[in-house]
Amino acid sequence: MKNLALLAVAGLASTATAQDLLICVDDLDGDGLWTITAEYIGTPPTPIVQAWADTSFALTGDGADITINNDFNTAYNTTLGDAVISNNGDNATFVGNANAFFGTPDASNPLFVATFNYAGDPTAINLALVGQNSVIFDLPPFGDVQLYQDATGAAGPQTFAVEYKIPAPASAALLGLGGLAAVRRRR
C-alpha cells in the first residue's frame, strides 16, 4: 500500500543520528481511529528501562474534534499517579508517568501508547511534546534519566521525531471500494 508519510523532526539531530525516539501517529486504514506508538531507534548506552517516560503531549488538527481514548498503555497508571487525559473538542492532551518497564529498541515490537479519534483532515493532525519527556537507561543504582525535552520545552540531549502515516487518497478510495465489494459479496 502506498502511504503518504509526513515527517516532523525535533531535538538536536536528525532521525539518522543514534539515540532517537520515533513516535508514529497513524490511521492507515482511514477509519478515523488513530494509533500512537513509540520506538527507541538509537543505540542505547545501557538497557532501556523506559523508552518514553514522563510522557506529555498535545494533539491538534483542523478544528474537528479529537478524543484520546481510555485504552492507553496501562503502564501509565502507576503508583506515581494515573494518566490524565484532557479532551477539549478540537485539541487533546495526555500526561502520564510510568514506573514499570516498558519500551524496547526492537523494531518488531514498538511501544503502544494510546489511540484517539479524529475525523478531520488527516494531513492537519499534529502531535507536539509538552513539558518534560524523558528516556530512562538502567545504570545502577537508580537509573539514568535523559531528556527528549525539558519542563520548559527546550530540547534535551536525546532527539525525537514524529512520523504521520495516512493512506494516500487513491489508497483510501481503494480501501472504500474494497469495503463495498466485501459487503456486496456477503449478500
N, C-alpha and C. Protein backbone atom coordinates (compact mmCIF):
# COMPACT_ATOMS: atom_id res chain seq x y z
N MET A 1 0.85 -1.16 0.00
CA MET A 1 0.00 0.00 0.00
C MET A 1 0.90 1.22 0.00
N LYS A 2 0.53 2.19 -0.78
CA LYS A 2 1.30 3.41 -0.86
C LYS A 2 0.81 4.35 0.23
N ASN A 3 1.73 4.82 1.05
CA ASN A 3 1.36 5.71 2.15
C ASN A 3 1.91 7.10 1.92
N LEU A 4 1.14 8.07 2.36
CA LEU A 4 1.63 9.43 2.42
C LEU A 4 2.19 9.59 3.82
N ALA A 5 3.48 9.81 3.92
CA ALA A 5 4.09 9.94 5.25
C ALA A 5 4.66 11.34 5.38
N LEU A 6 4.26 12.03 6.41
CA LEU A 6 4.77 13.35 6.72
C LEU A 6 5.71 13.18 7.90
N LEU A 7 6.86 13.84 7.86
CA LEU A 7 7.84 13.67 8.92
C LEU A 7 8.17 15.01 9.55
N ALA A 8 8.04 15.09 10.87
CA ALA A 8 8.42 16.29 11.60
C ALA A 8 9.52 15.90 12.56
N VAL A 9 10.60 16.63 12.54
CA VAL A 9 11.74 16.28 13.37
C VAL A 9 11.98 17.37 14.40
N ALA A 10 12.26 16.97 15.63
CA ALA A 10 12.58 17.92 16.69
C ALA A 10 13.77 17.40 17.46
N GLY A 11 14.35 18.23 18.28
CA GLY A 11 15.51 17.84 19.06
C GLY A 11 16.77 18.40 18.45
N LEU A 12 17.90 17.84 18.80
CA LEU A 12 19.18 18.40 18.37
C LEU A 12 19.74 17.77 17.11
N ALA A 13 19.21 16.65 16.66
CA ALA A 13 19.78 15.98 15.50
C ALA A 13 18.68 15.31 14.70
N SER A 14 19.01 14.78 13.55
CA SER A 14 18.02 14.13 12.70
C SER A 14 17.79 12.70 13.16
N THR A 15 16.80 12.04 12.52
CA THR A 15 16.49 10.67 12.90
C THR A 15 17.59 9.70 12.51
N ALA A 16 18.52 10.12 11.67
CA ALA A 16 19.62 9.25 11.28
C ALA A 16 20.65 9.13 12.40
N THR A 17 20.59 10.03 13.37
CA THR A 17 21.54 10.04 14.47
C THR A 17 21.12 9.04 15.53
N ALA A 18 22.10 8.46 16.22
CA ALA A 18 21.81 7.49 17.28
C ALA A 18 21.05 8.16 18.41
N GLN A 19 20.36 7.35 19.19
CA GLN A 19 19.65 7.74 20.40
C GLN A 19 18.47 8.67 20.11
N ASP A 20 17.63 8.24 19.22
CA ASP A 20 16.40 8.95 18.89
C ASP A 20 15.18 8.13 19.26
N LEU A 21 14.10 8.81 19.53
CA LEU A 21 12.79 8.19 19.72
C LEU A 21 11.96 8.47 18.48
N LEU A 22 11.36 7.45 17.89
CA LEU A 22 10.46 7.64 16.76
C LEU A 22 9.03 7.44 17.26
N ILE A 23 8.24 8.50 17.19
CA ILE A 23 6.83 8.46 17.57
C ILE A 23 6.02 8.36 16.29
N CYS A 24 5.23 7.32 16.16
CA CYS A 24 4.45 7.10 14.94
C CYS A 24 2.97 7.35 15.24
N VAL A 25 2.35 8.21 14.44
CA VAL A 25 0.93 8.53 14.56
C VAL A 25 0.29 8.08 13.26
N ASP A 26 -0.59 7.06 13.33
CA ASP A 26 -1.10 6.54 12.06
C ASP A 26 -2.59 6.22 12.08
N ASP A 27 -3.14 6.33 10.90
CA ASP A 27 -4.52 5.93 10.60
C ASP A 27 -4.48 5.27 9.22
N LEU A 28 -3.75 4.17 9.11
CA LEU A 28 -3.51 3.57 7.81
C LEU A 28 -4.75 3.02 7.14
N ASP A 29 -5.78 2.67 7.92
CA ASP A 29 -6.99 2.17 7.26
C ASP A 29 -8.00 3.28 7.00
N GLY A 30 -7.69 4.51 7.41
CA GLY A 30 -8.53 5.66 7.09
C GLY A 30 -9.86 5.69 7.81
N ASP A 31 -10.01 4.99 8.95
CA ASP A 31 -11.31 4.94 9.63
C ASP A 31 -11.49 6.00 10.71
N GLY A 32 -10.47 6.86 10.91
CA GLY A 32 -10.57 7.91 11.92
C GLY A 32 -10.13 7.48 13.31
N LEU A 33 -9.76 6.20 13.49
CA LEU A 33 -9.20 5.73 14.75
C LEU A 33 -7.68 5.68 14.57
N TRP A 34 -6.99 6.58 15.24
CA TRP A 34 -5.55 6.74 15.12
C TRP A 34 -4.83 6.00 16.24
N THR A 35 -3.63 5.53 15.96
CA THR A 35 -2.80 4.84 16.94
C THR A 35 -1.49 5.61 17.11
N ILE A 36 -1.04 5.71 18.36
CA ILE A 36 0.26 6.32 18.66
C ILE A 36 1.16 5.22 19.21
N THR A 37 2.30 5.01 18.56
CA THR A 37 3.30 4.08 19.05
C THR A 37 4.63 4.81 19.13
N ALA A 38 5.55 4.24 19.89
CA ALA A 38 6.87 4.86 20.03
C ALA A 38 7.92 3.77 20.04
N GLU A 39 9.08 4.12 19.50
CA GLU A 39 10.17 3.16 19.44
C GLU A 39 11.49 3.89 19.59
N TYR A 40 12.32 3.40 20.48
CA TYR A 40 13.66 3.97 20.63
C TYR A 40 14.53 3.36 19.54
N ILE A 41 15.01 4.19 18.61
CA ILE A 41 15.75 3.67 17.46
C ILE A 41 17.24 3.94 17.55
N GLY A 42 17.68 4.61 18.60
CA GLY A 42 19.10 4.87 18.78
C GLY A 42 19.80 3.66 19.36
N THR A 43 21.08 3.79 19.58
CA THR A 43 21.85 2.74 20.23
C THR A 43 21.99 3.11 21.69
N PRO A 44 21.26 2.44 22.57
CA PRO A 44 21.30 2.84 23.98
C PRO A 44 22.65 2.49 24.62
N PRO A 45 23.12 3.36 25.53
CA PRO A 45 24.37 3.05 26.21
C PRO A 45 24.23 1.87 27.18
N THR A 46 23.02 1.64 27.67
CA THR A 46 22.71 0.53 28.58
C THR A 46 21.28 0.11 28.27
N PRO A 47 20.79 -0.95 28.89
CA PRO A 47 19.40 -1.34 28.62
C PRO A 47 18.41 -0.20 28.90
N ILE A 48 17.36 -0.13 28.10
CA ILE A 48 16.32 0.88 28.29
C ILE A 48 15.32 0.37 29.32
N VAL A 49 15.05 1.17 30.31
CA VAL A 49 14.01 0.84 31.28
C VAL A 49 12.69 1.43 30.81
N GLN A 50 12.71 2.69 30.37
CA GLN A 50 11.51 3.34 29.86
C GLN A 50 11.89 4.12 28.60
N ALA A 51 11.33 3.73 27.47
CA ALA A 51 11.65 4.38 26.21
C ALA A 51 11.05 5.78 26.12
N TRP A 52 9.86 5.97 26.70
CA TRP A 52 9.22 7.28 26.67
C TRP A 52 8.49 7.45 28.00
N ALA A 53 9.17 8.05 28.97
CA ALA A 53 8.61 8.27 30.29
C ALA A 53 8.28 9.75 30.44
N ASP A 54 7.64 10.12 31.56
CA ASP A 54 7.18 11.50 31.75
C ASP A 54 6.47 11.96 30.48
N THR A 55 5.66 11.07 29.94
CA THR A 55 5.06 11.30 28.62
C THR A 55 3.99 12.36 28.69
N SER A 56 4.17 13.40 27.91
CA SER A 56 3.23 14.52 27.91
C SER A 56 3.18 15.10 26.50
N PHE A 57 2.00 15.03 25.87
CA PHE A 57 1.89 15.54 24.51
C PHE A 57 0.52 16.16 24.27
N ALA A 58 0.45 16.97 23.24
CA ALA A 58 -0.80 17.60 22.82
C ALA A 58 -1.08 17.24 21.38
N LEU A 59 -2.36 17.02 21.06
CA LEU A 59 -2.80 16.73 19.70
C LEU A 59 -3.67 17.87 19.21
N THR A 60 -3.44 18.31 17.98
CA THR A 60 -4.29 19.31 17.34
C THR A 60 -4.53 18.88 15.90
N GLY A 61 -5.56 19.46 15.28
CA GLY A 61 -5.88 19.13 13.90
C GLY A 61 -6.42 20.35 13.18
N ASP A 62 -7.46 20.15 12.39
CA ASP A 62 -8.03 21.23 11.58
C ASP A 62 -9.27 21.85 12.21
N GLY A 63 -9.52 21.58 13.47
CA GLY A 63 -10.72 22.09 14.13
C GLY A 63 -11.76 21.02 14.40
N ALA A 64 -11.61 19.86 13.76
CA ALA A 64 -12.51 18.74 14.04
C ALA A 64 -12.19 18.18 15.42
N ASP A 65 -13.19 17.59 16.07
CA ASP A 65 -12.99 17.05 17.42
C ASP A 65 -11.91 15.96 17.45
N ILE A 66 -11.10 15.99 18.51
CA ILE A 66 -10.09 14.97 18.78
C ILE A 66 -10.41 14.41 20.16
N THR A 67 -10.45 13.08 20.28
CA THR A 67 -10.73 12.44 21.56
C THR A 67 -9.70 11.34 21.80
N ILE A 68 -8.86 11.52 22.83
CA ILE A 68 -7.95 10.46 23.23
C ILE A 68 -8.76 9.44 24.00
N ASN A 69 -8.66 8.18 23.61
CA ASN A 69 -9.46 7.12 24.21
C ASN A 69 -8.83 6.63 25.52
N ASN A 70 -9.61 5.91 26.30
CA ASN A 70 -9.13 5.38 27.57
C ASN A 70 -8.44 4.03 27.45
N ASP A 71 -8.04 3.65 26.23
CA ASP A 71 -7.34 2.37 26.06
C ASP A 71 -5.83 2.58 25.93
N PHE A 72 -5.30 3.61 26.61
CA PHE A 72 -3.87 3.88 26.55
C PHE A 72 -3.10 2.78 27.29
N ASN A 73 -1.78 2.79 27.12
CA ASN A 73 -0.92 1.79 27.76
C ASN A 73 -1.11 1.85 29.27
N THR A 74 -1.45 0.71 29.86
CA THR A 74 -1.75 0.68 31.30
C THR A 74 -0.52 0.97 32.16
N ALA A 75 0.68 0.92 31.59
CA ALA A 75 1.88 1.26 32.37
C ALA A 75 1.87 2.71 32.83
N TYR A 76 1.03 3.54 32.20
CA TYR A 76 0.95 4.95 32.61
C TYR A 76 0.10 5.13 33.87
N ASN A 77 -0.66 4.15 34.28
CA ASN A 77 -1.37 4.21 35.55
C ASN A 77 -0.50 3.51 36.59
N THR A 78 0.14 4.30 37.43
CA THR A 78 1.15 3.78 38.34
C THR A 78 0.95 4.34 39.74
N THR A 79 1.83 3.92 40.62
CA THR A 79 1.80 4.46 41.98
C THR A 79 2.17 5.94 42.00
N LEU A 80 2.75 6.44 40.91
CA LEU A 80 3.06 7.87 40.82
C LEU A 80 1.83 8.69 40.46
N GLY A 81 0.75 8.02 40.12
CA GLY A 81 -0.48 8.71 39.72
C GLY A 81 -0.96 8.20 38.38
N ASP A 82 -2.26 8.31 38.16
CA ASP A 82 -2.84 7.84 36.91
C ASP A 82 -2.63 8.83 35.78
N ALA A 83 -2.64 8.31 34.57
CA ALA A 83 -2.55 9.17 33.39
C ALA A 83 -3.74 10.13 33.38
N VAL A 84 -3.50 11.32 32.87
CA VAL A 84 -4.54 12.35 32.80
C VAL A 84 -4.76 12.69 31.34
N ILE A 85 -6.00 12.53 30.90
CA ILE A 85 -6.38 12.87 29.53
C ILE A 85 -7.30 14.07 29.59
N SER A 86 -7.03 15.05 28.74
CA SER A 86 -7.90 16.21 28.64
C SER A 86 -8.38 16.33 27.20
N ASN A 87 -9.66 16.04 26.97
CA ASN A 87 -10.26 16.15 25.64
C ASN A 87 -11.06 17.45 25.60
N ASN A 88 -10.58 18.39 24.78
CA ASN A 88 -11.19 19.72 24.73
C ASN A 88 -11.73 20.04 23.34
N GLY A 89 -12.50 19.14 22.77
CA GLY A 89 -13.06 19.40 21.45
C GLY A 89 -12.03 19.23 20.35
N ASP A 90 -11.49 20.34 19.86
CA ASP A 90 -10.58 20.27 18.72
C ASP A 90 -9.12 20.13 19.13
N ASN A 91 -8.85 19.83 20.40
CA ASN A 91 -7.49 19.51 20.83
C ASN A 91 -7.58 18.57 22.02
N ALA A 92 -6.48 17.92 22.31
CA ALA A 92 -6.47 16.96 23.41
C ALA A 92 -5.05 16.87 23.95
N THR A 93 -4.92 16.58 25.25
CA THR A 93 -3.60 16.40 25.85
C THR A 93 -3.56 15.11 26.66
N PHE A 94 -2.36 14.59 26.80
CA PHE A 94 -2.12 13.37 27.55
C PHE A 94 -0.91 13.60 28.44
N VAL A 95 -1.02 13.26 29.72
CA VAL A 95 0.10 13.33 30.65
C VAL A 95 0.13 12.05 31.44
N GLY A 96 1.26 11.35 31.45
CA GLY A 96 1.38 10.13 32.22
C GLY A 96 2.81 9.85 32.62
N ASN A 97 2.98 9.35 33.81
CA ASN A 97 4.30 8.94 34.29
C ASN A 97 4.29 7.43 34.45
N ALA A 98 5.31 6.79 33.93
CA ALA A 98 5.38 5.33 34.04
C ALA A 98 6.51 4.95 34.98
N ASN A 99 6.28 3.97 35.82
CA ASN A 99 7.38 3.49 36.65
C ASN A 99 7.64 2.00 36.45
N ALA A 100 6.99 1.40 35.48
CA ALA A 100 7.22 0.00 35.17
C ALA A 100 8.05 -0.08 33.89
N PHE A 101 8.72 -1.23 33.69
CA PHE A 101 9.49 -1.41 32.46
C PHE A 101 8.55 -1.34 31.26
N PHE A 102 8.85 -0.52 30.32
CA PHE A 102 8.25 -0.64 29.01
C PHE A 102 9.12 0.09 28.01
N GLY A 103 9.11 -0.42 26.80
CA GLY A 103 9.95 0.15 25.76
C GLY A 103 10.98 -0.87 25.34
N THR A 104 11.36 -0.79 24.11
CA THR A 104 12.32 -1.74 23.57
C THR A 104 12.97 -1.13 22.35
N PRO A 105 14.25 -1.43 22.12
CA PRO A 105 14.87 -0.99 20.87
C PRO A 105 14.58 -1.92 19.71
N ASP A 106 13.75 -2.93 19.93
CA ASP A 106 13.42 -3.92 18.92
C ASP A 106 12.34 -3.39 17.98
N ALA A 107 12.69 -3.21 16.71
CA ALA A 107 11.76 -2.62 15.75
C ALA A 107 10.50 -3.45 15.54
N SER A 108 10.56 -4.74 15.87
CA SER A 108 9.39 -5.59 15.67
C SER A 108 8.36 -5.42 16.78
N ASN A 109 8.69 -4.64 17.81
CA ASN A 109 7.79 -4.53 18.95
C ASN A 109 7.75 -3.08 19.46
N PRO A 110 7.20 -2.15 18.68
CA PRO A 110 7.14 -0.77 19.18
C PRO A 110 6.18 -0.68 20.37
N LEU A 111 6.40 0.31 21.19
CA LEU A 111 5.59 0.55 22.38
C LEU A 111 4.25 1.16 22.00
N PHE A 112 3.14 0.49 22.34
CA PHE A 112 1.82 1.07 22.15
C PHE A 112 1.63 2.16 23.21
N VAL A 113 1.20 3.35 22.80
CA VAL A 113 0.98 4.45 23.73
C VAL A 113 -0.51 4.68 23.95
N ALA A 114 -1.25 4.97 22.86
CA ALA A 114 -2.67 5.30 23.01
C ALA A 114 -3.34 5.31 21.65
N THR A 115 -4.67 5.39 21.66
CA THR A 115 -5.44 5.63 20.44
C THR A 115 -6.26 6.89 20.63
N PHE A 116 -6.64 7.50 19.50
CA PHE A 116 -7.53 8.65 19.56
C PHE A 116 -8.40 8.69 18.32
N ASN A 117 -9.54 9.34 18.45
CA ASN A 117 -10.47 9.51 17.33
C ASN A 117 -10.34 10.91 16.77
N TYR A 118 -10.31 10.98 15.44
CA TYR A 118 -10.22 12.27 14.73
C TYR A 118 -10.69 12.03 13.31
N ALA A 119 -11.72 12.76 12.89
CA ALA A 119 -12.27 12.55 11.55
C ALA A 119 -12.01 13.73 10.63
N GLY A 120 -11.15 14.66 11.05
CA GLY A 120 -10.84 15.83 10.22
C GLY A 120 -9.81 15.50 9.15
N ASP A 121 -9.22 16.55 8.58
CA ASP A 121 -8.22 16.41 7.55
C ASP A 121 -7.01 15.68 8.12
N PRO A 122 -6.68 14.50 7.61
CA PRO A 122 -5.58 13.73 8.20
C PRO A 122 -4.23 14.42 8.07
N THR A 123 -4.05 15.27 7.06
CA THR A 123 -2.76 15.94 6.92
C THR A 123 -2.60 17.10 7.90
N ALA A 124 -3.68 17.44 8.65
CA ALA A 124 -3.61 18.54 9.61
C ALA A 124 -3.29 18.07 11.02
N ILE A 125 -3.28 16.76 11.26
CA ILE A 125 -3.05 16.27 12.63
C ILE A 125 -1.62 16.59 13.05
N ASN A 126 -1.46 16.98 14.31
CA ASN A 126 -0.15 17.33 14.82
C ASN A 126 0.00 16.85 16.27
N LEU A 127 1.10 16.16 16.55
CA LEU A 127 1.44 15.75 17.91
C LEU A 127 2.67 16.54 18.33
N ALA A 128 2.58 17.24 19.47
CA ALA A 128 3.70 18.01 19.99
C ALA A 128 3.97 17.63 21.43
N LEU A 129 5.24 17.44 21.78
CA LEU A 129 5.59 17.18 23.17
C LEU A 129 5.34 18.45 23.99
N VAL A 130 4.86 18.24 25.22
CA VAL A 130 4.58 19.35 26.12
C VAL A 130 5.32 19.10 27.42
N GLY A 131 6.15 20.01 27.84
CA GLY A 131 6.88 19.83 29.10
C GLY A 131 7.89 18.70 29.03
N GLN A 132 8.26 18.17 30.20
CA GLN A 132 9.32 17.17 30.27
C GLN A 132 8.88 15.84 29.69
N ASN A 133 9.71 15.31 28.81
CA ASN A 133 9.57 13.97 28.24
C ASN A 133 10.95 13.34 28.30
N SER A 134 11.04 12.09 28.76
CA SER A 134 12.36 11.53 29.01
C SER A 134 12.48 10.07 28.60
N VAL A 135 13.71 9.60 28.65
CA VAL A 135 14.05 8.19 28.48
C VAL A 135 14.87 7.80 29.70
N ILE A 136 14.73 6.58 30.17
CA ILE A 136 15.49 6.12 31.34
C ILE A 136 16.29 4.89 30.96
N PHE A 137 17.60 4.99 31.17
CA PHE A 137 18.50 3.88 30.95
C PHE A 137 18.81 3.24 32.29
N ASP A 138 19.15 1.97 32.27
CA ASP A 138 19.38 1.22 33.50
C ASP A 138 20.85 1.30 33.91
N LEU A 139 21.19 2.36 34.63
CA LEU A 139 22.53 2.48 35.18
C LEU A 139 22.42 2.42 36.69
N PRO A 140 23.06 1.47 37.34
CA PRO A 140 22.94 1.34 38.79
C PRO A 140 23.44 2.60 39.49
N PRO A 141 22.91 2.97 40.66
CA PRO A 141 21.87 2.23 41.36
C PRO A 141 20.46 2.69 41.03
N PHE A 142 20.28 3.89 40.44
CA PHE A 142 18.92 4.43 40.30
C PHE A 142 18.48 4.64 38.86
N GLY A 143 19.30 4.40 37.90
CA GLY A 143 18.94 4.65 36.52
C GLY A 143 19.42 6.02 36.07
N ASP A 144 19.49 6.22 34.79
CA ASP A 144 19.98 7.46 34.19
C ASP A 144 18.84 8.07 33.39
N VAL A 145 18.27 9.17 33.89
CA VAL A 145 17.18 9.86 33.20
C VAL A 145 17.79 10.87 32.24
N GLN A 146 17.42 10.76 30.95
CA GLN A 146 17.85 11.74 29.96
C GLN A 146 16.60 12.29 29.28
N LEU A 147 16.69 13.51 28.79
CA LEU A 147 15.51 14.21 28.30
C LEU A 147 15.44 14.29 26.79
N TYR A 148 14.22 14.10 26.26
CA TYR A 148 13.93 14.49 24.89
C TYR A 148 13.63 15.99 24.89
N GLN A 149 12.93 16.41 25.94
CA GLN A 149 12.54 17.80 26.09
C GLN A 149 12.42 18.08 27.58
N ASP A 150 12.88 19.26 28.03
CA ASP A 150 12.78 19.56 29.45
C ASP A 150 11.46 20.24 29.78
N ALA A 151 11.26 20.57 31.05
CA ALA A 151 9.99 21.12 31.51
C ALA A 151 9.63 22.44 30.84
N THR A 152 10.63 23.17 30.36
CA THR A 152 10.37 24.46 29.69
C THR A 152 10.10 24.29 28.20
N GLY A 153 10.24 23.05 27.69
CA GLY A 153 10.03 22.81 26.26
C GLY A 153 11.32 22.87 25.46
N ALA A 154 12.47 23.09 26.13
CA ALA A 154 13.75 23.14 25.43
C ALA A 154 14.20 21.71 25.10
N ALA A 155 14.88 21.57 23.97
CA ALA A 155 15.35 20.25 23.53
C ALA A 155 16.40 19.71 24.49
N GLY A 156 16.31 18.42 24.78
CA GLY A 156 17.30 17.74 25.61
C GLY A 156 18.36 17.10 24.74
N PRO A 157 19.27 16.34 25.35
CA PRO A 157 20.33 15.68 24.57
C PRO A 157 19.81 14.51 23.74
N GLN A 158 18.64 13.95 24.09
CA GLN A 158 18.05 12.87 23.31
C GLN A 158 17.13 13.49 22.25
N THR A 159 17.19 12.97 21.04
CA THR A 159 16.38 13.52 19.96
C THR A 159 15.11 12.70 19.77
N PHE A 160 14.13 13.28 19.08
CA PHE A 160 12.91 12.55 18.76
C PHE A 160 12.38 13.02 17.42
N ALA A 161 11.58 12.19 16.81
CA ALA A 161 10.91 12.52 15.56
C ALA A 161 9.48 12.03 15.64
N VAL A 162 8.57 12.75 14.97
CA VAL A 162 7.18 12.34 14.88
C VAL A 162 6.89 12.04 13.41
N GLU A 163 6.38 10.85 13.16
CA GLU A 163 6.06 10.43 11.79
C GLU A 163 4.56 10.20 11.70
N TYR A 164 3.91 10.78 10.67
CA TYR A 164 2.47 10.64 10.48
C TYR A 164 2.25 9.74 9.28
N LYS A 165 1.43 8.69 9.47
CA LYS A 165 1.16 7.75 8.37
C LYS A 165 -0.34 7.72 8.12
N ILE A 166 -0.70 8.05 6.90
CA ILE A 166 -2.11 8.03 6.48
C ILE A 166 -2.17 7.42 5.09
N PRO A 167 -3.32 6.88 4.70
CA PRO A 167 -3.42 6.35 3.33
C PRO A 167 -3.35 7.49 2.32
N ALA A 168 -2.68 7.24 1.20
CA ALA A 168 -2.72 8.19 0.10
C ALA A 168 -4.16 8.25 -0.39
N PRO A 169 -4.60 9.37 -0.98
CA PRO A 169 -6.00 9.47 -1.42
C PRO A 169 -6.46 8.33 -2.31
N ALA A 170 -5.61 7.88 -3.23
CA ALA A 170 -6.00 6.77 -4.12
C ALA A 170 -6.15 5.48 -3.31
N SER A 171 -5.26 5.28 -2.33
CA SER A 171 -5.35 4.09 -1.50
C SER A 171 -6.60 4.10 -0.64
N ALA A 172 -6.94 5.29 -0.13
CA ALA A 172 -8.15 5.41 0.70
C ALA A 172 -9.39 5.07 -0.14
N ALA A 173 -9.41 5.53 -1.40
CA ALA A 173 -10.54 5.22 -2.27
C ALA A 173 -10.63 3.72 -2.53
N LEU A 174 -9.47 3.09 -2.74
CA LEU A 174 -9.47 1.65 -2.95
C LEU A 174 -9.94 0.90 -1.71
N LEU A 175 -9.52 1.38 -0.52
CA LEU A 175 -10.00 0.75 0.72
C LEU A 175 -11.52 0.84 0.80
N GLY A 176 -12.06 2.00 0.45
CA GLY A 176 -13.52 2.17 0.47
C GLY A 176 -14.21 1.25 -0.51
N LEU A 177 -13.66 1.14 -1.72
CA LEU A 177 -14.24 0.25 -2.73
C LEU A 177 -14.12 -1.21 -2.29
N GLY A 178 -12.99 -1.55 -1.66
CA GLY A 178 -12.81 -2.92 -1.15
C GLY A 178 -13.86 -3.25 -0.11
N GLY A 179 -14.18 -2.28 0.76
CA GLY A 179 -15.23 -2.48 1.76
C GLY A 179 -16.58 -2.69 1.11
N LEU A 180 -16.90 -1.91 0.06
CA LEU A 180 -18.17 -2.08 -0.65
C LEU A 180 -18.25 -3.45 -1.30
N ALA A 181 -17.11 -3.88 -1.89
CA ALA A 181 -17.10 -5.20 -2.54
C ALA A 181 -17.33 -6.30 -1.52
N ALA A 182 -16.73 -6.15 -0.33
CA ALA A 182 -16.90 -7.17 0.72
C ALA A 182 -18.36 -7.22 1.16
N VAL A 183 -19.01 -6.07 1.28
CA VAL A 183 -20.42 -6.04 1.68
C VAL A 183 -21.28 -6.70 0.61
N ARG A 184 -21.00 -6.40 -0.66
CA ARG A 184 -21.80 -6.98 -1.76
C ARG A 184 -21.63 -8.49 -1.79
N ARG A 185 -20.42 -9.00 -1.53
CA ARG A 185 -20.18 -10.43 -1.58
C ARG A 185 -20.97 -11.18 -0.51
N ARG A 186 -21.18 -10.53 0.64
CA ARG A 186 -21.88 -11.19 1.74
C ARG A 186 -23.36 -11.36 1.45
N ARG A 187 -23.92 -10.55 0.60
CA ARG A 187 -25.36 -10.57 0.36
C ARG A 187 -25.80 -11.71 -0.51
